[in-house]
Amino acid sequence: MVLDGVQLVSQIRAWGLELGFSQIGVAGVDLHEAEAPLLAWLEAGYHGEMHYMASHGLKRARPAELVPGTLSVITARMNYLPRTTPADWQAREWAAQGRADEGVVSVYARGRDYHKVMRARLQKLADRMAAHIGPFGYRVFSDSAPVMEVELASRSGQGWRGKHTLTLSREAGSMFFLGEIFVDLDLPRTPAVSAHCGQCSACITVCPTQAILGPRLLDARRCISYLTIEYGGVIPEHFRRPMGNRIYGCDDCQLACPWNKFAQRSALPDFDEREGMSGARLVELFGWDEATFLRRTEGSAIRRIGHERWLRNVSVAMGNALHRADDAGIRAALAARLDHPSEVLREHIDWALAQGL
């Protein structure tokens, strides 16, 4: 059978929409222009303790080496704002940061683990392709391997790389997940789009820890998302106060971005907010024992950080709450875990208790 690439890409796009994806694109595998910036970023140590980013070397920029035989990359994005998100959601998120006794979880993590949702639906898309054209070589990814997702997304027309380093779309802002299917099919590429950040630097200005060093340059070691999720050690003291009440991730650069007034709601119930993932009191969250943590985070991306890191993050937020106003309940909850076996956690609890003095 002679493969009609244009027709197949059109069909893949239609299947993608049926499966809940917001957009489908196709990129090539020549990313050599991204190699030098990647190496410079790694050599500067901006990846922190995310050693997996360096361990694969330039395979990140060479899809055909990561998955031999790859000729094209099908890219997909999936909106993740919960279906019931109100029009003033950005203002509400800013307001939540002002309620110091509540914990703030990044919007993307309030529903089901996106890795599972994206991979399952990308697999279904690949299955549909195989049923239509016969067996072919492929591999599915969603933030699960050394893939330059934003680079591939930009090259395939999903959007452009914003100054905060995330993919930005004129139609959907940046509140979406990315995924890829590496295929051994030579498919026609979808065109890239031009950048539209202009002179805006709102994301750079708003970052609480000045992690965005310049347009499209992030020092992950300073990023609150990195500190609360990827980093398992003692959080440097000079970053603790800026963390405020953020206990898992940080959305500030996205909240400040003007393009996110166009952010789209998800078509899937998977990303609907779970009970307790916003508005919960820090004392309650800090009171979770490990069994409760595992139960409340089952099927959630939050589970991957583990109970100890969760308590560490919440204790920092509690210290920041005490700095704003003394609270006997917060003090008592922190004191109750002073004998915790984790030295890292005890250090953060000691710091937190000292903030109200």
Protein backbone atom coordinates (compact mmCIF):
# COMPACT_ATOMS: atom_id res chain seq x y z
CA MET A 1 0.00 0.00 0.00
CA VAL A 2 1.34 3.42 -0.97
CA LEU A 3 1.14 5.69 2.05
CA ASP A 4 -0.52 9.05 1.47
CA GLY A 5 1.25 11.07 4.15
CA VAL A 6 -0.91 14.18 3.93
CA GLN A 7 -4.10 12.16 4.20
CA LEU A 8 -2.70 10.10 7.08
CA VAL A 9 -1.69 13.18 9.08
CA SER A 10 -5.17 14.60 8.56
CA GLN A 11 -6.65 11.35 9.83
CA ILE A 12 -4.28 11.27 12.83
CA ARG A 13 -5.40 14.76 13.75
CA ALA A 14 -9.05 13.71 13.62
CA TRP A 15 -8.37 10.64 15.77
CA GLY A 16 -6.40 12.79 18.19
CA LEU A 17 -9.34 15.12 18.74
CA GLU A 18 -11.60 12.12 19.35
CA LEU A 19 -9.16 10.89 22.00
CA GLY A 20 -9.16 14.19 23.89
CA PHE A 21 -6.03 15.79 22.47
CA SER A 22 -6.21 19.49 21.72
CA GLN A 23 -3.80 19.52 18.79
CA ILE A 24 -1.64 17.13 16.79
CA GLY A 25 1.50 18.08 14.87
CA VAL A 26 4.43 16.42 13.14
CA ALA A 27 8.11 17.32 13.58
CA GLY A 28 11.26 16.10 11.91
CA VAL A 29 14.18 14.52 13.76
CA ASP A 30 16.95 17.00 12.93
CA LEU A 31 17.34 19.01 16.14
CA HIS A 32 21.03 19.78 15.73
CA GLU A 33 20.45 23.50 16.32
CA ALA A 34 19.30 22.66 19.83
CA GLU A 35 22.43 20.71 20.76
CA ALA A 36 24.74 23.60 21.66
CA PRO A 37 22.19 25.37 23.92
CA LEU A 38 21.42 22.05 25.61
CA LEU A 39 25.08 21.34 26.33
CA ALA A 40 25.64 24.88 27.63
CA TRP A 41 22.63 24.57 29.95
CA LEU A 42 23.87 21.25 31.33
CA GLU A 43 27.45 22.47 31.71
CA ALA A 44 26.19 25.44 33.73
CA GLY A 45 24.56 22.98 36.13
CA TYR A 46 21.13 24.50 35.69
CA HIS A 47 19.54 21.04 35.77
CA GLY A 48 20.46 20.66 39.44
CA GLU A 49 20.06 17.10 40.69
CA MET A 50 18.00 16.00 37.70
CA HIS A 51 20.92 13.82 36.64
CA TYR A 52 18.82 11.97 34.07
CA MET A 53 18.94 15.11 31.93
CA ALA A 54 22.69 14.77 31.54
CA SER A 55 23.00 10.98 31.58
CA HIS A 56 21.60 10.58 28.06
CA GLY A 57 23.87 13.19 26.56
CA LEU A 58 22.83 14.45 23.16
CA LYS A 59 20.28 11.70 22.67
CA ARG A 60 17.78 14.28 23.88
CA ALA A 61 18.44 16.27 20.71
CA ARG A 62 18.74 13.20 18.47
CA PRO A 63 15.41 11.34 18.31
CA ALA A 64 16.78 8.81 15.81
CA GLU A 65 19.45 7.79 18.32
CA LEU A 66 17.03 7.61 21.22
CA VAL A 67 14.72 5.38 19.19
CA PRO A 68 16.61 3.93 16.20
CA GLY A 69 14.65 4.09 12.99
CA THR A 70 12.66 7.18 13.93
CA LEU A 71 11.88 9.34 10.89
CA SER A 72 9.18 11.62 12.31
CA VAL A 73 7.75 12.65 15.66
CA ILE A 74 4.01 13.04 16.13
CA THR A 75 3.44 15.67 18.82
CA ALA A 76 0.30 16.07 20.88
CA ARG A 77 -0.93 18.59 23.42
CA MET A 78 -3.75 18.13 25.90
CA ASN A 79 -5.40 20.94 27.83
CA TYR A 80 -5.55 20.36 31.58
CA LEU A 81 -7.60 23.10 33.21
CA PRO A 82 -10.47 21.31 35.03
CA ARG A 83 -13.77 21.33 33.14
CA THR A 84 -15.45 23.60 35.73
CA THR A 85 -12.65 26.19 35.87
CA PRO A 86 -14.22 29.67 36.24
CA ALA A 87 -13.37 32.56 33.94
CA ASP A 88 -11.47 34.38 36.70
CA TRP A 89 -9.32 31.36 37.56
CA GLN A 90 -6.04 33.32 37.44
CA ALA A 91 -7.29 35.85 39.99
CA ARG A 92 -8.50 33.04 42.22
CA GLU A 93 -5.12 31.35 42.09
CA TRP A 94 -3.36 34.58 43.10
CA ALA A 95 -5.85 34.99 45.93
CA ALA A 96 -5.10 31.49 47.23
CA GLN A 97 -1.47 32.49 47.72
CA GLY A 98 -2.65 35.21 50.07
CA ARG A 99 -4.32 32.71 52.41
CA ALA A 100 -1.18 31.69 54.27
CA ASP A 101 -2.77 28.87 56.27
CA GLU A 102 -3.79 26.99 53.09
CA GLY A 103 -1.58 24.83 50.90
CA VAL A 104 -1.31 25.58 47.19
CA VAL A 105 -0.82 22.69 44.77
CA SER A 106 0.02 23.44 41.13
CA VAL A 107 -3.10 23.28 38.97
CA TYR A 108 -1.81 20.47 36.76
CA ALA A 109 -1.39 18.12 39.74
CA ARG A 110 -4.87 18.43 41.22
CA GLY A 111 -6.35 15.69 39.06
CA ARG A 112 -5.13 12.36 37.76
CA ASP A 113 -1.46 11.77 36.97
CA TYR A 114 -1.05 13.17 33.47
CA HIS A 115 1.70 10.69 32.59
CA LYS A 116 -0.84 7.87 32.73
CA VAL A 117 -3.55 9.76 30.87
CA MET A 118 -1.27 10.94 28.08
CA ARG A 119 0.52 7.65 27.57
CA ALA A 120 -2.70 5.64 27.48
CA ARG A 121 -4.28 7.93 24.90
CA LEU A 122 -1.11 8.18 22.81
CA GLN A 123 -1.07 4.38 22.76
CA LYS A 124 -4.68 4.35 21.56
CA LEU A 125 -3.73 6.79 18.82
CA ALA A 126 -0.86 4.52 17.75
CA ASP A 127 -3.23 1.53 17.79
CA ARG A 128 -5.63 3.35 15.48
CA MET A 129 -2.79 4.13 13.12
CA ALA A 130 -1.69 0.48 13.07
CA ALA A 131 -5.23 -0.68 12.38
CA HIS A 132 -5.38 1.74 9.46
CA ILE A 133 -1.95 1.31 7.82
CA GLY A 134 -0.67 -1.95 9.29
CA PRO A 135 2.23 -2.57 11.70
CA PHE A 136 4.85 0.16 12.04
CA GLY A 137 7.63 1.01 14.47
CA TYR A 138 6.87 3.51 17.20
CA ARG A 139 7.39 4.50 20.82
CA VAL A 140 5.17 6.65 23.01
CA PHE A 141 6.47 9.33 25.41
CA SER A 142 5.01 11.83 27.85
CA ASP A 143 7.61 13.46 30.09
CA SER A 144 8.98 9.95 30.53
CA ALA A 145 12.30 9.91 28.68
CA PRO A 146 15.05 12.25 27.47
CA VAL A 147 12.82 13.94 24.89
CA MET A 148 13.07 17.64 24.01
CA GLU A 149 9.33 18.08 24.21
CA VAL A 150 9.16 21.86 23.91
CA GLU A 151 11.58 21.86 20.98
CA LEU A 152 9.55 19.24 19.13
CA ALA A 153 6.29 20.98 20.00
CA SER A 154 7.63 24.29 18.68
CA ARG A 155 8.88 22.76 15.45
CA SER A 156 5.54 21.07 14.80
CA GLY A 157 3.38 24.16 15.28
CA GLN A 158 2.01 23.50 18.75
CA GLY A 159 3.21 26.96 19.75
CA TRP A 160 6.46 28.74 20.49
CA ARG A 161 8.89 28.56 23.39
CA GLY A 162 7.86 31.29 25.79
CA LYS A 163 10.31 33.29 27.85
CA HIS A 164 9.47 31.02 30.80
CA THR A 165 10.68 28.10 28.59
CA LEU A 166 7.21 26.52 28.32
CA THR A 167 5.31 26.09 25.07
CA LEU A 168 2.89 28.96 24.41
CA SER A 169 -0.10 28.88 22.08
CA ARG A 170 -2.13 31.88 20.91
CA GLU A 171 -5.24 29.72 21.21
CA ALA A 172 -4.52 27.99 24.51
CA GLY A 173 -1.82 29.75 26.51
CA SER A 174 0.43 27.22 28.24
CA MET A 175 -1.93 25.20 30.44
CA PHE A 176 -1.49 21.92 28.60
CA PHE A 177 0.57 18.73 28.62
CA LEU A 178 2.80 17.52 25.81
CA GLY A 179 3.35 14.02 24.48
CA GLU A 180 5.02 12.36 21.51
CA ILE A 181 4.97 9.28 19.31
CA PHE A 182 8.31 8.54 17.66
CA VAL A 183 7.50 6.73 14.40
CA ASP A 184 9.46 5.05 11.61
CA LEU A 185 7.20 6.76 9.06
CA ASP A 186 8.33 9.72 6.97
CA LEU A 187 5.33 11.97 7.51
CA PRO A 188 4.87 15.51 6.16
CA ARG A 189 5.79 18.11 8.77
CA THR A 190 3.31 20.59 10.15
CA PRO A 191 4.62 24.17 10.01
CA ALA A 192 6.01 26.00 13.02
CA VAL A 193 4.41 29.23 14.24
CA SER A 194 6.10 32.53 15.02
CA ALA A 195 6.73 33.70 18.59
CA HIS A 196 4.41 36.26 20.12
CA CYS A 197 5.92 37.22 23.48
CA GLY A 198 7.04 40.58 22.12
CA GLN A 199 8.48 42.87 24.78
CA CYS A 200 6.51 41.19 27.59
CA SER A 201 8.63 39.88 30.46
CA ALA A 202 5.88 39.29 33.03
CA CYS A 203 6.97 35.70 33.67
CA ILE A 204 10.56 36.75 34.36
CA THR A 205 9.51 39.58 36.67
CA VAL A 206 7.00 37.58 38.70
CA CYS A 207 9.18 34.54 39.47
CA PRO A 208 9.52 34.48 43.29
CA THR A 209 13.04 33.09 43.23
CA GLN A 210 14.32 34.73 40.03
CA ALA A 211 14.74 31.30 38.47
CA ILE A 212 14.20 32.64 34.95
CA LEU A 213 17.58 34.21 34.27
CA GLY A 214 16.56 35.65 30.93
CA PRO A 215 14.30 34.84 27.99
CA ARG A 216 14.07 31.05 27.66
CA LEU A 217 16.81 30.43 30.24
CA LEU A 218 15.80 28.69 33.47
CA ASP A 219 18.01 27.79 36.41
CA ALA A 220 16.01 24.83 37.70
CA ARG A 221 17.91 24.90 41.00
CA ARG A 222 16.08 28.11 41.89
CA CYS A 223 12.66 27.05 40.62
CA ILE A 224 9.98 26.30 43.23
CA SER A 225 8.65 23.46 41.10
CA TYR A 226 12.09 21.86 41.16
CA LEU A 227 12.58 22.52 44.88
CA THR A 228 9.23 21.03 45.89
CA ILE A 229 9.14 18.10 43.44
CA GLU A 230 12.52 17.08 42.05
CA TYR A 231 14.81 18.05 44.92
CA GLY A 232 14.88 15.79 47.94
CA GLY A 233 17.39 17.51 50.21
CA VAL A 234 17.45 20.51 52.50
CA ILE A 235 15.86 23.49 50.75
CA PRO A 236 18.26 26.46 50.93
CA GLU A 237 16.97 28.94 53.49
CA HIS A 238 16.95 31.89 51.10
CA PHE A 239 14.37 30.10 48.95
CA ARG A 240 12.00 29.14 51.76
CA ARG A 241 10.35 32.52 52.33
CA PRO A 242 9.70 33.06 48.59
CA MET A 243 8.00 29.64 48.48
CA GLY A 244 5.09 31.07 50.47
CA ASN A 245 2.36 28.45 50.76
CA ARG A 246 3.24 26.58 47.56
CA ILE A 247 3.62 22.94 48.60
CA TYR A 248 3.78 21.21 45.21
CA GLY A 249 4.93 23.07 42.15
CA CYS A 250 4.48 26.72 41.21
CA ASP A 251 2.28 28.33 38.56
CA ASP A 252 3.34 31.96 38.95
CA CYS A 253 5.00 32.36 35.54
CA GLN A 254 1.89 30.95 33.90
CA LEU A 255 -0.52 32.98 36.02
CA ALA A 256 1.28 36.16 35.00
CA CYS A 257 1.33 35.31 31.29
CA PRO A 258 -1.21 37.34 29.28
CA TRP A 259 -1.68 34.48 26.82
CA ASN A 260 -3.23 32.32 29.53
CA LYS A 261 -6.43 34.34 29.32
CA PHE A 262 -6.98 32.00 26.37
CA ALA A 263 -6.22 28.81 28.35
CA GLN A 264 -8.70 26.07 27.50
CA ARG A 265 -10.59 23.66 29.74
CA SER A 266 -9.87 19.97 29.38
CA ALA A 267 -12.40 17.82 27.61
CA LEU A 268 -11.61 14.96 29.98
CA PRO A 269 -12.82 14.29 33.54
CA ASP A 270 -9.34 12.97 34.42
CA PHE A 271 -8.09 16.46 35.23
CA ASP A 272 -11.05 17.49 37.35
CA GLU A 273 -9.81 18.66 40.73
CA ARG A 274 -9.75 16.05 43.48
CA GLU A 275 -11.21 16.89 46.85
CA GLY A 276 -8.67 18.50 49.13
CA MET A 277 -6.24 19.51 46.40
CA SER A 278 -7.03 23.19 46.91
CA GLY A 279 -8.21 25.16 49.90
CA ALA A 280 -6.98 22.57 52.42
CA ARG A 281 -5.46 23.86 55.66
CA LEU A 282 -1.76 23.28 56.17
CA VAL A 283 -2.36 21.74 59.59
CA GLU A 284 -4.61 19.12 58.00
CA LEU A 285 -2.12 18.34 55.23
CA PHE A 286 0.77 18.11 57.70
CA GLY A 287 -1.28 15.70 59.78
CA TRP A 288 -1.43 13.06 57.05
CA ASP A 289 0.41 9.92 58.05
CA GLU A 290 2.04 7.91 55.28
CA ALA A 291 -0.99 5.67 54.75
CA THR A 292 -3.23 8.72 54.39
CA PHE A 293 -0.77 10.37 52.02
CA LEU A 294 -0.69 7.28 49.81
CA ARG A 295 -4.47 6.96 49.84
CA ARG A 296 -5.14 10.63 49.10
CA THR A 297 -2.56 10.75 46.30
CA GLU A 298 -3.40 7.43 44.64
CA GLY A 299 -3.28 7.90 40.87
CA SER A 300 -1.89 11.43 41.35
CA ALA A 301 1.43 12.88 40.20
CA ILE A 302 1.95 14.06 43.78
CA ARG A 303 2.58 10.55 45.06
CA ARG A 304 5.98 10.40 43.37
CA ILE A 305 7.56 12.83 45.86
CA GLY A 306 6.79 10.56 48.81
CA HIS A 307 5.48 11.32 52.28
CA GLU A 308 8.67 12.76 53.76
CA ARG A 309 9.13 15.33 51.00
CA TRP A 310 5.44 16.23 51.24
CA LEU A 311 5.85 16.97 54.96
CA ARG A 312 9.02 18.95 54.25
CA ASN A 313 7.19 21.17 51.75
CA VAL A 314 4.21 21.69 54.04
CA SER A 315 6.47 22.53 56.98
CA VAL A 316 8.07 25.34 54.97
CA ALA A 317 4.64 26.74 54.17
CA MET A 318 3.72 26.50 57.85
CA GLY A 319 6.82 28.45 58.79
CA ASN A 320 5.85 31.15 56.31
CA ALA A 321 2.35 31.24 57.79
CA LEU A 322 3.83 31.71 61.27
CA HIS A 323 5.95 34.55 59.95
CA ARG A 324 2.77 36.36 58.94
CA ALA A 325 0.73 35.59 62.06
CA ASP A 326 1.27 33.41 65.10
CA ASP A 327 -0.97 30.34 65.10
CA ALA A 328 -1.12 27.94 68.04
CA GLY A 329 -2.53 25.15 65.87
CA ILE A 330 0.35 25.35 63.41
CA ARG A 331 2.88 25.44 66.23
CA ALA A 332 1.35 22.38 67.88
CA ALA A 333 1.27 20.43 64.61
CA LEU A 334 4.93 21.19 63.90
CA ALA A 335 5.99 20.36 67.46
CA ALA A 336 4.24 16.99 67.22
CA ARG A 337 6.69 15.89 64.52
CA LEU A 338 9.90 17.18 66.11
CA ASP A 339 10.98 13.60 66.77
CA HIS A 340 10.47 12.47 63.17
CA PRO A 341 13.25 10.08 62.08
CA SER A 342 14.12 12.23 59.04
CA GLU A 343 16.92 14.68 59.78
CA VAL A 344 15.94 16.69 56.70
CA LEU A 345 12.36 17.08 57.91
CA ARG A 346 13.41 17.96 61.46
CA GLU A 347 15.66 20.73 60.12
CA HIS A 348 12.72 22.28 58.24
CA ILE A 349 10.42 21.95 61.26
CA ASP A 350 12.99 23.71 63.47
CA TRP A 351 13.20 26.50 60.91
CA ALA A 352 9.43 26.76 60.64
CA LEU A 353 8.96 27.05 64.41
CA ALA A 354 11.58 29.79 64.56
CA GLN A 355 9.73 31.95 62.03
CA GLY A 356 7.14 33.14 64.51
CA LEU A 357 9.58 34.20 67.20
